[in-house]
């Protein structure tokens, strides 16, 4: 069943989830590991793991619920770097940069 975002926040969450799934797929297709991505992005492997983690809706922390903010773990520069690493065509790059 297709997801229909009701609010802008839900739309943003869906796009971020889709981006994380896309990165996982590209890592598998290119035979890369989290440590390889960490070296390219200049962060630790643990940080890459945290960035790619898909949050469990049932186990939201109290802090997130109170603030209502779920920060985007990827910077624009990191998305561009990943696009270059995976050899993304210009059309897909444009789609990914409109998170």
N, C-alpha and C. Protein backbone atom coordinates (compact mmCIF):
# COMPACT_ATOMS: atom_id res chain seq x y z
N UNK A 1 0.85 -1.17 0.00
CA UNK A 1 0.00 0.00 0.00
C UNK A 1 0.90 1.24 0.00
N UNK A 2 0.62 2.21 -0.87
CA UNK A 2 1.45 3.41 -0.92
C UNK A 2 1.29 4.26 0.32
N UNK A 3 2.38 4.93 0.66
CA UNK A 3 2.35 5.84 1.80
C UNK A 3 1.87 7.20 1.33
N UNK A 4 0.96 7.77 2.02
CA UNK A 4 0.47 9.09 1.70
C UNK A 4 0.81 10.01 2.87
N UNK A 5 1.75 10.93 2.66
CA UNK A 5 2.10 11.83 3.76
C UNK A 5 0.98 12.79 4.07
N UNK A 6 0.71 12.96 5.32
CA UNK A 6 -0.35 13.86 5.74
C UNK A 6 0.19 15.24 6.07
N UNK A 7 1.41 15.29 6.55
CA UNK A 7 2.02 16.57 6.90
C UNK A 7 3.38 16.68 6.25
N UNK A 8 3.95 17.88 6.29
CA UNK A 8 5.29 18.09 5.75
C UNK A 8 6.33 17.28 6.53
N UNK A 9 6.13 17.14 7.82
CA UNK A 9 7.05 16.36 8.65
C UNK A 9 7.04 14.90 8.23
N UNK A 10 5.86 14.35 7.96
CA UNK A 10 5.78 12.96 7.50
C UNK A 10 6.43 12.81 6.13
N UNK A 11 6.24 13.77 5.25
CA UNK A 11 6.87 13.73 3.93
C UNK A 11 8.39 13.70 4.08
N UNK A 12 8.90 14.54 4.96
CA UNK A 12 10.35 14.59 5.19
C UNK A 12 10.86 13.27 5.76
N UNK A 13 10.12 12.68 6.70
CA UNK A 13 10.51 11.40 7.28
C UNK A 13 10.52 10.30 6.22
N UNK A 14 9.53 10.28 5.35
CA UNK A 14 9.46 9.27 4.29
C UNK A 14 10.64 9.40 3.33
N UNK A 15 10.98 10.64 2.96
CA UNK A 15 12.11 10.84 2.04
C UNK A 15 13.42 10.43 2.69
N UNK A 16 13.57 10.74 3.97
CA UNK A 16 14.79 10.35 4.67
C UNK A 16 14.89 8.83 4.77
N UNK A 17 13.79 8.17 5.06
CA UNK A 17 13.77 6.70 5.12
C UNK A 17 14.12 6.11 3.76
N UNK A 18 13.56 6.67 2.70
CA UNK A 18 13.86 6.20 1.35
C UNK A 18 15.33 6.40 1.01
N UNK A 19 15.91 7.52 1.45
CA UNK A 19 17.33 7.76 1.20
C UNK A 19 18.20 6.75 1.92
N UNK A 20 17.87 6.44 3.17
CA UNK A 20 18.64 5.45 3.92
C UNK A 20 18.57 4.09 3.25
N UNK A 21 17.39 3.71 2.78
CA UNK A 21 17.23 2.43 2.09
C UNK A 21 18.01 2.44 0.78
N UNK A 22 18.02 3.57 0.07
CA UNK A 22 18.78 3.70 -1.16
C UNK A 22 20.28 3.51 -0.90
N UNK A 23 20.79 4.14 0.17
CA UNK A 23 22.21 4.01 0.51
C UNK A 23 22.55 2.55 0.81
N UNK A 24 21.69 1.86 1.57
CA UNK A 24 21.91 0.44 1.86
C UNK A 24 22.00 -0.37 0.56
N UNK A 25 21.08 -0.10 -0.37
CA UNK A 25 21.08 -0.81 -1.64
C UNK A 25 22.33 -0.54 -2.46
N UNK A 26 22.77 0.71 -2.47
CA UNK A 26 23.98 1.06 -3.21
C UNK A 26 25.22 0.42 -2.57
N UNK A 27 25.22 0.34 -1.25
CA UNK A 27 26.34 -0.31 -0.57
C UNK A 27 26.41 -1.78 -0.97
N UNK A 28 25.27 -2.45 -1.02
CA UNK A 28 25.24 -3.87 -1.43
C UNK A 28 25.67 -4.02 -2.88
N UNK A 29 25.14 -3.16 -3.75
CA UNK A 29 25.44 -3.26 -5.18
C UNK A 29 26.92 -3.01 -5.47
N UNK A 30 27.54 -2.13 -4.70
CA UNK A 30 28.95 -1.78 -4.92
C UNK A 30 29.90 -2.53 -3.99
N UNK A 31 29.36 -3.48 -3.21
CA UNK A 31 30.16 -4.29 -2.28
C UNK A 31 30.97 -3.41 -1.33
N UNK A 32 30.29 -2.45 -0.72
CA UNK A 32 30.92 -1.56 0.24
C UNK A 32 30.36 -1.82 1.63
N UNK A 33 31.17 -1.49 2.63
CA UNK A 33 30.77 -1.66 4.02
C UNK A 33 30.66 -0.29 4.68
N UNK A 34 30.14 -0.28 5.89
CA UNK A 34 30.00 0.98 6.62
C UNK A 34 31.36 1.65 6.83
N UNK A 35 32.39 0.85 7.03
CA UNK A 35 33.72 1.45 7.24
C UNK A 35 34.21 2.15 5.98
N UNK A 36 33.84 1.63 4.79
CA UNK A 36 34.21 2.29 3.54
C UNK A 36 33.50 3.63 3.40
N UNK A 37 32.22 3.65 3.74
CA UNK A 37 31.45 4.89 3.69
C UNK A 37 32.00 5.88 4.71
N UNK A 38 32.37 5.39 5.88
CA UNK A 38 32.92 6.25 6.94
C UNK A 38 34.22 6.90 6.47
N UNK A 39 35.08 6.15 5.79
CA UNK A 39 36.34 6.70 5.29
C UNK A 39 36.09 7.80 4.26
N UNK A 40 35.12 7.59 3.39
CA UNK A 40 34.81 8.58 2.36
C UNK A 40 34.21 9.85 2.98
N UNK A 41 33.32 9.68 3.95
CA UNK A 41 32.66 10.83 4.57
C UNK A 41 33.52 11.50 5.65
N UNK A 42 34.56 10.81 6.11
CA UNK A 42 35.41 11.38 7.14
C UNK A 42 34.80 11.32 8.53
N UNK A 43 33.99 10.30 8.77
CA UNK A 43 33.39 10.10 10.09
C UNK A 43 33.71 8.68 10.55
N UNK A 44 33.32 8.35 11.75
CA UNK A 44 33.58 7.01 12.26
C UNK A 44 32.55 6.02 11.75
N UNK A 45 32.87 4.75 11.82
CA UNK A 45 31.95 3.70 11.39
C UNK A 45 30.71 3.70 12.27
N UNK A 46 30.88 3.99 13.54
CA UNK A 46 29.75 4.04 14.47
C UNK A 46 28.78 5.14 14.05
N UNK A 47 29.32 6.29 13.64
CA UNK A 47 28.48 7.41 13.20
C UNK A 47 27.69 7.04 11.94
N UNK A 48 28.33 6.33 11.00
CA UNK A 48 27.63 5.88 9.79
C UNK A 48 26.49 4.94 10.18
N UNK A 49 26.75 4.06 11.14
CA UNK A 49 25.72 3.15 11.61
C UNK A 49 24.54 3.93 12.18
N UNK A 50 24.83 4.97 12.96
CA UNK A 50 23.77 5.80 13.53
C UNK A 50 23.01 6.55 12.45
N UNK A 51 23.71 7.02 11.43
CA UNK A 51 23.08 7.77 10.35
C UNK A 51 22.14 6.90 9.53
N UNK A 52 22.51 5.62 9.33
CA UNK A 52 21.72 4.72 8.51
C UNK A 52 20.66 3.95 9.28
N UNK A 53 20.66 4.10 10.60
CA UNK A 53 19.70 3.38 11.41
C UNK A 53 18.28 3.87 11.14
N UNK A 54 17.38 2.93 10.95
CA UNK A 54 15.97 3.26 10.74
C UNK A 54 15.29 3.22 12.10
N UNK A 55 14.75 4.36 12.54
CA UNK A 55 14.16 4.40 13.88
C UNK A 55 12.92 3.54 13.98
N UNK A 56 12.74 2.94 15.14
CA UNK A 56 11.56 2.14 15.42
C UNK A 56 10.47 3.07 15.95
N UNK A 57 9.37 3.13 15.25
CA UNK A 57 8.28 4.04 15.64
C UNK A 57 7.75 3.73 17.03
N UNK A 58 7.80 2.47 17.43
CA UNK A 58 7.26 2.07 18.73
C UNK A 58 8.16 2.49 19.88
N UNK A 59 9.45 2.65 19.59
CA UNK A 59 10.40 2.94 20.65
C UNK A 59 10.99 4.34 20.55
N UNK A 60 10.17 5.33 20.24
CA UNK A 60 10.65 6.70 20.19
C UNK A 60 11.05 7.14 21.60
N UNK A 61 12.14 7.86 21.66
CA UNK A 61 12.59 8.34 22.96
C UNK A 61 11.71 9.49 23.44
N UNK A 62 11.68 9.67 24.72
CA UNK A 62 10.89 10.74 25.32
C UNK A 62 11.37 12.09 24.82
N UNK A 63 12.69 12.22 24.63
CA UNK A 63 13.26 13.48 24.20
C UNK A 63 12.73 13.88 22.83
N UNK A 64 12.69 12.93 21.89
CA UNK A 64 12.17 13.22 20.55
C UNK A 64 10.70 13.56 20.61
N UNK A 65 9.94 12.84 21.43
CA UNK A 65 8.51 13.10 21.52
C UNK A 65 8.22 14.48 22.08
N UNK A 66 9.00 14.91 23.06
CA UNK A 66 8.77 16.20 23.67
C UNK A 66 9.12 17.33 22.72
N UNK A 67 10.29 17.21 22.07
CA UNK A 67 10.73 18.28 21.20
C UNK A 67 10.01 18.24 19.85
N UNK A 68 9.63 17.05 19.43
CA UNK A 68 8.97 16.92 18.14
C UNK A 68 9.92 17.10 16.97
N UNK A 69 11.22 16.98 17.22
CA UNK A 69 12.23 17.23 16.19
C UNK A 69 13.02 15.96 15.96
N UNK A 70 13.14 15.60 14.69
CA UNK A 70 13.95 14.46 14.31
C UNK A 70 14.97 14.97 13.31
N UNK A 71 16.19 15.32 13.75
CA UNK A 71 17.15 15.96 12.85
C UNK A 71 17.63 15.03 11.74
N UNK A 72 17.90 15.62 10.59
CA UNK A 72 18.40 14.89 9.44
C UNK A 72 19.88 14.57 9.68
N UNK A 73 20.28 13.29 9.65
CA UNK A 73 21.66 12.95 9.96
C UNK A 73 22.63 13.26 8.82
N UNK A 74 22.15 13.51 7.61
CA UNK A 74 23.01 13.73 6.46
C UNK A 74 23.07 15.21 6.11
N UNK A 75 24.30 15.71 5.91
CA UNK A 75 24.45 17.08 5.42
C UNK A 75 24.39 17.05 3.90
N UNK A 76 24.20 18.20 3.31
CA UNK A 76 24.15 18.30 1.86
C UNK A 76 25.47 17.82 1.24
N UNK A 77 26.58 18.18 1.86
CA UNK A 77 27.88 17.75 1.36
C UNK A 77 28.04 16.24 1.40
N UNK A 78 27.52 15.60 2.43
CA UNK A 78 27.61 14.15 2.54
C UNK A 78 26.76 13.47 1.47
N UNK A 79 25.59 14.03 1.17
CA UNK A 79 24.75 13.46 0.12
C UNK A 79 25.45 13.57 -1.23
N UNK A 80 26.07 14.72 -1.50
CA UNK A 80 26.81 14.90 -2.76
C UNK A 80 27.97 13.93 -2.83
N UNK A 81 28.70 13.76 -1.74
CA UNK A 81 29.82 12.82 -1.71
C UNK A 81 29.36 11.40 -1.98
N UNK A 82 28.24 11.00 -1.38
CA UNK A 82 27.70 9.66 -1.63
C UNK A 82 27.27 9.49 -3.08
N UNK A 83 26.69 10.53 -3.66
CA UNK A 83 26.30 10.47 -5.07
C UNK A 83 27.52 10.25 -5.96
N UNK A 84 28.61 10.96 -5.66
CA UNK A 84 29.84 10.80 -6.43
C UNK A 84 30.44 9.41 -6.23
N UNK A 85 30.40 8.92 -5.01
CA UNK A 85 30.94 7.60 -4.71
C UNK A 85 30.20 6.51 -5.46
N UNK A 86 28.87 6.61 -5.51
CA UNK A 86 28.07 5.57 -6.14
C UNK A 86 27.88 5.81 -7.64
N UNK A 87 28.38 6.92 -8.19
CA UNK A 87 28.27 7.19 -9.61
C UNK A 87 26.83 7.41 -10.06
N UNK A 88 26.14 8.28 -9.37
CA UNK A 88 24.72 8.54 -9.64
C UNK A 88 24.58 9.46 -10.85
N UNK A 89 23.59 9.18 -11.70
CA UNK A 89 23.34 10.04 -12.86
C UNK A 89 22.71 11.37 -12.39
N UNK A 90 22.79 12.41 -13.23
CA UNK A 90 22.31 13.75 -12.81
C UNK A 90 20.84 13.80 -12.40
N UNK A 91 19.98 13.03 -13.05
CA UNK A 91 18.56 13.06 -12.70
C UNK A 91 18.33 12.51 -11.30
N UNK A 92 18.97 11.38 -11.00
CA UNK A 92 18.79 10.80 -9.67
C UNK A 92 19.44 11.68 -8.60
N UNK A 93 20.57 12.30 -8.94
CA UNK A 93 21.22 13.19 -7.99
C UNK A 93 20.29 14.35 -7.64
N UNK A 94 19.63 14.91 -8.63
CA UNK A 94 18.71 16.02 -8.39
C UNK A 94 17.58 15.56 -7.47
N UNK A 95 17.06 14.37 -7.70
CA UNK A 95 15.98 13.84 -6.85
C UNK A 95 16.46 13.65 -5.42
N UNK A 96 17.68 13.14 -5.26
CA UNK A 96 18.21 12.89 -3.91
C UNK A 96 18.52 14.19 -3.17
N UNK A 97 18.89 15.23 -3.89
CA UNK A 97 19.25 16.49 -3.24
C UNK A 97 18.03 17.32 -2.84
N UNK A 98 16.84 16.86 -3.21
CA UNK A 98 15.63 17.60 -2.84
C UNK A 98 14.97 16.98 -1.61
N UNK A 99 15.77 16.49 -0.69
CA UNK A 99 15.22 15.94 0.55
C UNK A 99 14.60 17.05 1.32
